[in-house]
Amino acid sequence: MPPLAVTYLLLAIASFPFIYYLLAIWSSLRFFARPKEKLNGFTPPVSILKPVRGLDPDAYENFASFCRQDYPEYEIVFCVGSVDDPCMPAIERLRRDFPEQHIRVLFGSGRVAANDKVAKLVRLANEARYEHLVINDSDVRVKPNYLRHIVAPLENPKVGAVTCFYVSIGEHSFIENLQTAGMLSDFYAGLLVARELDGVKFALGPTIATTRARLAGFGGYQAIENRPGDDLLVGRLIAEQGYQIELSRYAVDTVSDYQTLGELLHKRLRWLVVMRHMRPAGHLGLIFTQGLLWSAVAVLAQPTWATAVIYFGLYFILRIAMTWLIGGYGLKQENLWRKMPIVFCWDAFALVMWAASFLRKTIRWRGGSYYIRGGELVPIGD
């Protein structure tokens, strides 16, 4: 056993994750207990911008959900790499099935950039018909009231952008459920704590509603077309102009597309490496949110049944409470209790990925390998 002073120090540090968990529970209650946003009749014409590459699972149904909006005037604008892109049959079917909708397709970004998605968004934003823009990914599926809820907060001139949470549907495998458990218990908890402590200074890719003017305020998408974490950056750069970023209580669906553990490892590790470069202090501080690790450290420092019951018991109870508050109470996920054991698998997985992120110097992004230098993506070999 370590000296008594060291033991007490380790036991004190091991309580840090519990403080974070309690803060996450408080932040979640504050967010989800507030009244839902009221529709105010603010329905300006909207351009829905969709950069697309390849064919996601259930792509047609995802796209079609945007054609069923209860909204007076909007257009849907896709940008794909070429006429041979695998998504084109789904888009052409969409045009046939919804002839009354304004659907346009742009081919190619016309730009050379490390972040192809953002290069497409440069063109989409430039060629959109309307001032108000709603940007989302191709795996998103929405209800008919989506546009009314997402656009309404923009009536307030102090609001520069609106974003929202997303929940996965159609999970069948352990890997898909593992990803969902991580989103509900880990990623969203961190966002809600950040919102409580520092305000919302981020945006999430499945929905960003804003205007041309707000994008132009930071130089537009062309200013970040060689940078990773474009969704986060859009929110941050609009917030830096003095505008509010509204995190809506409305949530959209995303279709699960993780078929293998390797795919999940790849995405998680890429995100962590990007965060290590963009927010190094925050990334390092994640060590103090690892309740599973620190409960084990506490038991090793003072190997008694009382220590094990207190630390692992608190870890278990608080993690379950966090997950239920966000996923069950807040996002109304059915049968969430079946996923609860997977939360602890996620914690072990997330800890390993966090440690591995310090060993990675490159990331894989859309078929290419990149360094991150000076906050920008640099192709390997340059």
Protein backbone atom coordinates (compact mmCIF):
# COMPACT_ATOMS: atom_id res chain seq x y z
CA MET A 1 0.00 0.00 0.00
CA PRO A 2 1.24 3.58 -0.68
CA PRO A 3 1.96 5.97 2.21
CA LEU A 4 -1.14 7.28 3.96
CA ALA A 5 -0.83 10.79 2.50
CA VAL A 6 -0.57 9.40 -1.01
CA THR A 7 -3.55 7.14 -0.36
CA TYR A 8 -5.69 10.07 0.71
CA LEU A 9 -4.54 12.11 -2.28
CA LEU A 10 -5.45 9.31 -4.69
CA LEU A 11 -8.82 8.84 -3.00
CA ALA A 12 -9.49 12.57 -3.31
CA ILE A 13 -8.54 12.64 -7.00
CA ALA A 14 -10.65 9.55 -7.58
CA SER A 15 -13.70 11.54 -6.50
CA PHE A 16 -13.25 14.08 -9.33
CA PRO A 17 -15.29 12.06 -11.87
CA PHE A 18 -18.19 11.98 -9.42
CA ILE A 19 -18.17 15.78 -9.24
CA TYR A 20 -18.24 15.86 -13.04
CA TYR A 21 -21.09 13.32 -13.13
CA LEU A 22 -23.14 15.38 -10.67
CA LEU A 23 -22.51 18.49 -12.76
CA ALA A 24 -23.61 16.57 -15.87
CA ILE A 25 -26.80 15.47 -14.10
CA TRP A 26 -27.52 19.04 -13.01
CA SER A 27 -26.81 20.38 -16.49
CA SER A 28 -29.06 17.75 -18.08
CA LEU A 29 -31.92 18.53 -15.71
CA ARG A 30 -31.55 22.26 -16.41
CA PHE A 31 -31.61 21.71 -20.15
CA PHE A 32 -34.41 19.16 -20.49
CA ALA A 33 -36.66 20.59 -17.77
CA ARG A 34 -36.94 23.96 -19.51
CA PRO A 35 -40.05 24.55 -21.62
CA LYS A 36 -39.84 23.47 -25.23
CA GLU A 37 -39.36 26.20 -27.78
CA LYS A 38 -42.66 27.67 -28.94
CA LEU A 39 -43.33 28.02 -32.64
CA ASN A 40 -43.64 31.71 -33.42
CA GLY A 41 -44.84 31.69 -37.01
CA PHE A 42 -41.41 32.70 -38.28
CA THR A 43 -41.07 30.78 -41.54
CA PRO A 44 -38.71 32.54 -43.97
CA PRO A 45 -37.79 30.73 -47.19
CA VAL A 46 -35.04 28.20 -46.50
CA SER A 47 -32.33 26.46 -48.51
CA ILE A 48 -31.49 22.99 -47.19
CA LEU A 49 -27.87 22.25 -48.07
CA LYS A 50 -26.67 18.66 -48.38
CA PRO A 51 -23.06 17.79 -49.26
CA VAL A 52 -23.17 14.10 -50.22
CA ARG A 53 -20.55 11.49 -50.94
CA GLY A 54 -21.52 7.88 -51.51
CA LEU A 55 -24.70 6.12 -50.46
CA ASP A 56 -25.61 5.91 -46.79
CA PRO A 57 -27.95 3.19 -45.49
CA ASP A 58 -31.60 4.10 -46.17
CA ALA A 59 -30.46 7.22 -48.03
CA TYR A 60 -33.68 7.56 -50.01
CA GLU A 61 -35.87 7.58 -46.89
CA ASN A 62 -33.54 10.07 -45.25
CA PHE A 63 -33.73 12.41 -48.25
CA ALA A 64 -37.49 11.91 -48.64
CA SER A 65 -38.16 13.04 -45.08
CA PHE A 66 -36.97 16.52 -46.08
CA CYS A 67 -39.48 16.55 -48.94
CA ARG A 68 -42.37 16.07 -46.50
CA GLN A 69 -41.85 19.24 -44.50
CA ASP A 70 -44.82 21.21 -43.26
CA TYR A 71 -43.20 24.45 -44.33
CA PRO A 72 -44.34 27.10 -46.82
CA GLU A 73 -41.25 27.59 -49.00
CA TYR A 74 -37.92 25.81 -49.18
CA GLU A 75 -35.50 24.17 -51.55
CA ILE A 76 -33.18 21.17 -51.21
CA VAL A 77 -29.76 21.53 -52.81
CA PHE A 78 -27.38 18.57 -53.06
CA CYS A 79 -23.71 18.74 -53.97
CA VAL A 80 -22.14 15.46 -55.12
CA GLY A 81 -18.78 14.67 -56.63
CA SER A 82 -19.97 13.53 -60.06
CA VAL A 83 -22.89 12.04 -61.99
CA ASP A 84 -21.44 8.60 -61.20
CA ASP A 85 -21.74 9.01 -57.43
CA PRO A 86 -23.65 6.04 -55.91
CA CYS A 87 -26.15 8.44 -54.31
CA MET A 88 -27.47 9.68 -57.66
CA PRO A 89 -30.13 6.95 -58.21
CA ALA A 90 -31.67 7.85 -54.83
CA ILE A 91 -31.68 11.57 -55.69
CA GLU A 92 -33.19 10.94 -59.12
CA ARG A 93 -35.91 8.82 -57.54
CA LEU A 94 -36.52 11.65 -55.11
CA ARG A 95 -37.10 14.05 -58.00
CA ARG A 96 -39.57 11.65 -59.61
CA ASP A 97 -41.49 11.00 -56.38
CA PHE A 98 -41.66 14.64 -55.28
CA PRO A 99 -42.03 16.70 -58.47
CA GLU A 100 -43.60 19.57 -56.52
CA GLN A 101 -40.45 20.11 -54.46
CA HIS A 102 -37.58 22.37 -55.48
CA ILE A 103 -34.65 19.93 -55.68
CA ARG A 104 -31.34 20.88 -57.27
CA VAL A 105 -28.11 18.94 -57.72
CA LEU A 106 -24.68 20.53 -58.09
CA PHE A 107 -21.79 18.43 -59.35
CA GLY A 108 -18.40 19.04 -57.81
CA SER A 109 -17.24 21.80 -55.53
CA GLY A 110 -15.03 23.46 -58.12
CA ARG A 111 -12.39 23.78 -55.40
CA VAL A 112 -9.29 21.95 -54.21
CA ALA A 113 -9.45 21.57 -50.45
CA ALA A 114 -8.44 19.05 -47.81
CA ASN A 115 -11.98 18.91 -46.42
CA ASP A 116 -14.10 17.93 -49.41
CA LYS A 117 -17.35 18.23 -47.45
CA VAL A 118 -16.61 21.86 -46.60
CA ALA A 119 -15.52 22.60 -50.15
CA LYS A 120 -18.95 21.42 -51.29
CA LEU A 121 -20.57 23.61 -48.65
CA VAL A 122 -18.72 26.62 -50.07
CA ARG A 123 -20.48 26.10 -53.38
CA LEU A 124 -23.81 25.19 -51.78
CA ALA A 125 -23.87 28.34 -49.65
CA ASN A 126 -22.86 30.51 -52.61
CA GLU A 127 -25.54 29.08 -54.91
CA ALA A 128 -28.36 28.70 -52.40
CA ARG A 129 -31.44 30.66 -53.38
CA TYR A 130 -32.36 31.93 -49.91
CA GLU A 131 -30.74 33.81 -47.03
CA HIS A 132 -31.71 31.28 -44.36
CA LEU A 133 -29.76 28.03 -44.57
CA VAL A 134 -30.22 24.63 -42.94
CA ILE A 135 -27.19 22.37 -43.26
CA ASN A 136 -27.25 18.69 -42.42
CA ASP A 137 -25.64 15.35 -43.18
CA SER A 138 -26.99 12.71 -45.55
CA ASP A 139 -27.70 10.17 -42.79
CA VAL A 140 -30.26 12.46 -41.09
CA ARG A 141 -33.99 11.71 -41.07
CA VAL A 142 -36.53 14.24 -39.81
CA LYS A 143 -40.22 14.69 -39.00
CA PRO A 144 -42.51 17.06 -40.96
CA ASN A 145 -42.25 19.77 -38.27
CA TYR A 146 -38.44 19.87 -38.40
CA LEU A 147 -37.94 23.11 -40.33
CA ARG A 148 -40.50 25.03 -38.28
CA HIS A 149 -38.77 24.09 -35.02
CA ILE A 150 -35.20 24.58 -36.20
CA VAL A 151 -35.67 27.88 -38.01
CA ALA A 152 -37.96 29.57 -35.45
CA PRO A 153 -35.19 30.70 -33.02
CA LEU A 154 -33.51 32.66 -35.83
CA GLU A 155 -36.26 35.27 -35.58
CA ASN A 156 -34.30 36.59 -32.60
CA PRO A 157 -31.52 38.74 -34.11
CA LYS A 158 -29.25 37.73 -31.22
CA VAL A 159 -29.31 34.09 -32.33
CA GLY A 160 -26.66 33.34 -34.94
CA ALA A 161 -27.21 29.62 -35.38
CA VAL A 162 -29.35 26.73 -34.19
CA THR A 163 -28.18 23.17 -33.67
CA CYS A 164 -29.67 20.08 -32.04
CA PHE A 165 -28.99 16.59 -30.73
CA TYR A 166 -29.43 13.49 -32.86
CA VAL A 167 -30.46 9.98 -31.91
CA SER A 168 -29.62 6.80 -33.75
CA ILE A 169 -32.36 4.58 -35.16
CA GLY A 170 -32.32 1.07 -36.55
CA GLU A 171 -29.59 -0.30 -34.31
CA HIS A 172 -29.15 -4.05 -34.67
CA SER A 173 -25.58 -4.90 -33.69
CA PHE A 174 -23.57 -4.53 -30.52
CA ILE A 175 -21.32 -2.01 -32.28
CA GLU A 176 -24.27 0.23 -33.20
CA ASN A 177 -25.60 0.05 -29.64
CA LEU A 178 -22.13 0.80 -28.29
CA GLN A 179 -21.99 3.97 -30.37
CA THR A 180 -25.43 5.04 -29.14
CA ALA A 181 -24.49 4.38 -25.52
CA GLY A 182 -21.43 6.57 -25.98
CA MET A 183 -23.42 9.41 -27.49
CA LEU A 184 -26.06 9.44 -24.76
CA SER A 185 -23.83 8.85 -21.74
CA ASP A 186 -20.60 10.57 -22.75
CA PHE A 187 -20.69 12.97 -25.70
CA TYR A 188 -23.99 14.69 -24.90
CA ALA A 189 -23.15 14.88 -21.21
CA GLY A 190 -19.99 16.81 -22.07
CA LEU A 191 -21.89 19.17 -24.35
CA LEU A 192 -24.50 19.91 -21.67
CA VAL A 193 -21.80 20.62 -19.08
CA ALA A 194 -20.08 22.94 -21.57
CA ARG A 195 -23.39 24.70 -22.20
CA GLU A 196 -23.91 25.25 -18.47
CA LEU A 197 -20.39 26.47 -17.75
CA ASP A 198 -19.48 28.44 -20.86
CA GLY A 199 -22.55 28.68 -23.07
CA VAL A 200 -23.03 26.98 -26.42
CA LYS A 201 -20.02 27.66 -28.63
CA PHE A 202 -20.33 24.72 -30.97
CA ALA A 203 -22.62 23.24 -33.59
CA LEU A 204 -23.41 19.63 -34.47
CA GLY A 205 -23.25 18.38 -38.07
CA PRO A 206 -26.70 16.76 -38.28
CA THR A 207 -28.28 20.23 -38.04
CA ILE A 208 -26.94 23.75 -38.38
CA ALA A 209 -29.49 26.47 -39.13
CA THR A 210 -28.04 29.90 -39.81
CA THR A 211 -27.90 32.63 -42.45
CA ARG A 212 -25.56 33.70 -45.22
CA ALA A 213 -24.75 36.84 -43.23
CA ARG A 214 -23.63 34.86 -40.16
CA LEU A 215 -21.38 32.65 -42.31
CA ALA A 216 -19.96 35.67 -44.10
CA GLY A 217 -19.12 37.20 -40.72
CA PHE A 218 -16.23 34.75 -40.30
CA GLY A 219 -15.31 34.51 -43.97
CA GLY A 220 -17.69 31.72 -44.97
CA TYR A 221 -16.97 28.04 -45.38
CA GLN A 222 -13.99 28.85 -47.59
CA ALA A 223 -12.22 30.10 -44.45
CA ILE A 224 -12.33 26.62 -42.89
CA GLU A 225 -12.19 24.32 -45.92
CA ASN A 226 -8.75 23.02 -44.91
CA ARG A 227 -9.55 22.59 -41.23
CA PRO A 228 -10.95 19.59 -39.34
CA GLY A 229 -13.95 19.81 -37.04
CA ASP A 230 -15.90 22.10 -39.35
CA ASP A 231 -19.19 21.69 -37.46
CA LEU A 232 -17.63 22.69 -34.16
CA LEU A 233 -15.83 25.58 -35.86
CA VAL A 234 -18.97 27.03 -37.44
CA GLY A 235 -20.59 27.30 -34.02
CA ARG A 236 -17.46 28.69 -32.41
CA LEU A 237 -16.81 31.28 -35.12
CA ILE A 238 -20.40 32.53 -35.12
CA ALA A 239 -20.34 32.73 -31.30
CA GLU A 240 -17.13 34.76 -31.49
CA GLN A 241 -19.06 37.38 -33.47
CA GLY A 242 -21.21 37.91 -30.37
CA TYR A 243 -24.21 35.81 -31.43
CA GLN A 244 -25.95 33.13 -29.41
CA ILE A 245 -25.86 29.51 -30.56
CA GLU A 246 -29.18 27.90 -29.70
CA LEU A 247 -29.06 24.23 -28.70
CA SER A 248 -32.63 23.21 -29.46
CA ARG A 249 -34.55 20.59 -27.52
CA TYR A 250 -35.72 19.27 -30.87
CA ALA A 251 -33.83 16.12 -31.92
CA VAL A 252 -33.36 14.49 -35.31
CA ASP A 253 -32.79 10.85 -36.20
CA THR A 254 -29.68 9.41 -37.78
CA VAL A 255 -29.47 6.00 -39.41
CA SER A 256 -26.86 3.70 -37.89
CA ASP A 257 -24.01 2.88 -40.24
CA TYR A 258 -21.37 1.26 -38.03
CA GLN A 259 -20.92 -2.27 -39.28
CA THR A 260 -17.63 -3.16 -37.61
CA LEU A 261 -15.66 -2.29 -34.52
CA GLY A 262 -12.91 -1.01 -36.81
CA GLU A 263 -15.22 1.65 -38.26
CA LEU A 264 -16.17 2.85 -34.80
CA LEU A 265 -12.53 2.84 -33.65
CA HIS A 266 -11.56 4.83 -36.72
CA LYS A 267 -14.15 7.55 -36.19
CA ARG A 268 -13.68 7.82 -32.42
CA LEU A 269 -9.90 8.03 -32.68
CA ARG A 270 -10.09 10.64 -35.46
CA TRP A 271 -12.41 12.81 -33.36
CA LEU A 272 -10.17 12.54 -30.30
CA VAL A 273 -7.04 13.45 -32.26
CA VAL A 274 -8.82 16.47 -33.74
CA MET A 275 -9.95 17.55 -30.25
CA ARG A 276 -6.39 17.10 -28.95
CA HIS A 277 -5.24 19.67 -31.49
CA MET A 278 -8.21 22.04 -31.20
CA ARG A 279 -8.73 21.96 -27.43
CA PRO A 280 -5.58 20.47 -25.88
CA ALA A 281 -6.37 21.42 -22.27
CA GLY A 282 -9.93 20.11 -22.50
CA HIS A 283 -8.73 16.92 -24.14
CA LEU A 284 -6.16 16.31 -21.41
CA GLY A 285 -8.78 17.07 -18.76
CA LEU A 286 -10.91 14.16 -19.96
CA ILE A 287 -8.80 11.97 -17.67
CA PHE A 288 -10.72 13.39 -14.70
CA THR A 289 -14.08 12.28 -16.17
CA GLN A 290 -13.05 8.61 -16.27
CA GLY A 291 -14.95 7.16 -13.32
CA LEU A 292 -14.17 3.54 -14.17
CA LEU A 293 -10.43 4.22 -14.14
CA TRP A 294 -10.40 6.27 -10.95
CA SER A 295 -12.63 3.84 -9.07
CA ALA A 296 -10.08 1.15 -9.84
CA VAL A 297 -7.27 3.49 -8.70
CA ALA A 298 -9.12 4.11 -5.42
CA VAL A 299 -9.45 0.40 -4.73
CA LEU A 300 -5.80 -0.18 -5.55
CA ALA A 301 -4.81 2.67 -3.21
CA GLN A 302 -7.00 1.36 -0.39
CA PRO A 303 -7.98 -2.26 -1.14
CA THR A 304 -10.97 -2.68 1.16
CA TRP A 305 -14.55 -3.76 0.54
CA ALA A 306 -15.79 -0.40 1.80
CA THR A 307 -13.69 1.49 -0.76
CA ALA A 308 -14.84 -0.81 -3.58
CA VAL A 309 -18.50 -0.48 -2.64
CA ILE A 310 -18.36 3.32 -2.26
CA TYR A 311 -16.39 4.13 -5.40
CA PHE A 312 -17.75 1.53 -7.80
CA GLY A 313 -21.24 1.94 -6.33
CA LEU A 314 -21.21 5.71 -6.90
CA TYR A 315 -19.74 5.23 -10.36
CA PHE A 316 -22.48 2.75 -11.27
CA ILE A 317 -25.36 4.82 -9.88
CA LEU A 318 -24.24 8.16 -11.34
CA ARG A 319 -23.47 6.75 -14.79
CA ILE A 320 -26.91 5.14 -14.95
CA ALA A 321 -28.54 8.36 -13.78
CA MET A 322 -26.70 10.45 -16.40
CA THR A 323 -27.61 8.10 -19.22
CA TRP A 324 -31.26 7.87 -18.24
CA LEU A 325 -31.63 11.63 -17.80
CA ILE A 326 -30.25 12.34 -21.25
CA GLY A 327 -31.48 9.35 -23.22
CA GLY A 328 -34.70 8.45 -21.40
CA TYR A 329 -36.05 11.61 -19.82
CA GLY A 330 -34.58 14.06 -22.32
CA LEU A 331 -34.50 12.32 -25.70
CA LYS A 332 -37.33 9.82 -25.00
CA GLN A 333 -35.41 6.75 -26.12
CA GLU A 334 -37.43 3.57 -25.73
CA ASN A 335 -36.00 0.43 -24.10
CA LEU A 336 -33.00 2.38 -22.90
CA TRP A 337 -32.55 0.10 -19.91
CA ARG A 338 -31.40 -2.65 -22.26
CA LYS A 339 -28.45 -0.48 -23.26
CA MET A 340 -27.37 0.38 -19.72
CA PRO A 341 -24.80 -2.44 -19.37
CA ILE A 342 -23.20 -1.25 -22.61
CA VAL A 343 -22.45 2.12 -20.99
CA PHE A 344 -19.74 0.46 -18.90
CA CYS A 345 -18.33 -1.23 -22.00
CA TRP A 346 -18.25 2.21 -23.62
CA ASP A 347 -16.34 3.68 -20.68
CA ALA A 348 -13.61 1.06 -21.04
CA PHE A 349 -13.54 1.57 -24.82
CA ALA A 350 -13.43 5.38 -24.49
CA LEU A 351 -10.57 5.20 -22.00
CA VAL A 352 -8.46 3.08 -24.35
CA MET A 353 -9.22 5.40 -27.28
CA TRP A 354 -8.35 8.49 -25.23
CA ALA A 355 -4.97 7.00 -24.32
CA ALA A 356 -4.37 5.93 -27.92
CA SER A 357 -5.11 9.46 -29.19
CA PHE A 358 -1.83 10.69 -27.69
CA LEU A 359 0.08 8.21 -29.85
CA ARG A 360 -1.51 9.23 -33.16
CA LYS A 361 0.13 11.85 -35.33
CA THR A 362 -2.22 11.49 -38.31
CA ILE A 363 -5.90 11.00 -39.03
CA ARG A 364 -7.78 9.24 -41.79
CA TRP A 365 -10.45 11.41 -43.43
CA ARG A 366 -12.57 10.48 -46.46
CA GLY A 367 -10.02 8.15 -47.96
CA GLY A 368 -6.95 10.31 -47.25
CA SER A 369 -4.35 10.52 -44.50
CA TYR A 370 -3.50 13.88 -42.93
CA TYR A 371 -1.36 15.59 -40.37
CA ILE A 372 -2.93 18.42 -38.37
CA ARG A 373 -0.55 21.38 -38.42
CA GLY A 374 -1.45 24.85 -37.28
CA GLY A 375 -5.07 23.74 -37.03
CA GLU A 376 -5.24 22.67 -40.67
CA LEU A 377 -5.34 19.34 -42.49
CA VAL A 378 -2.09 18.68 -44.33
CA PRO A 379 -2.03 15.67 -46.67
CA ILE A 380 0.75 13.23 -45.83
CA GLY A 381 3.61 13.79 -48.26
CA ASP A 382 3.21 17.59 -48.42
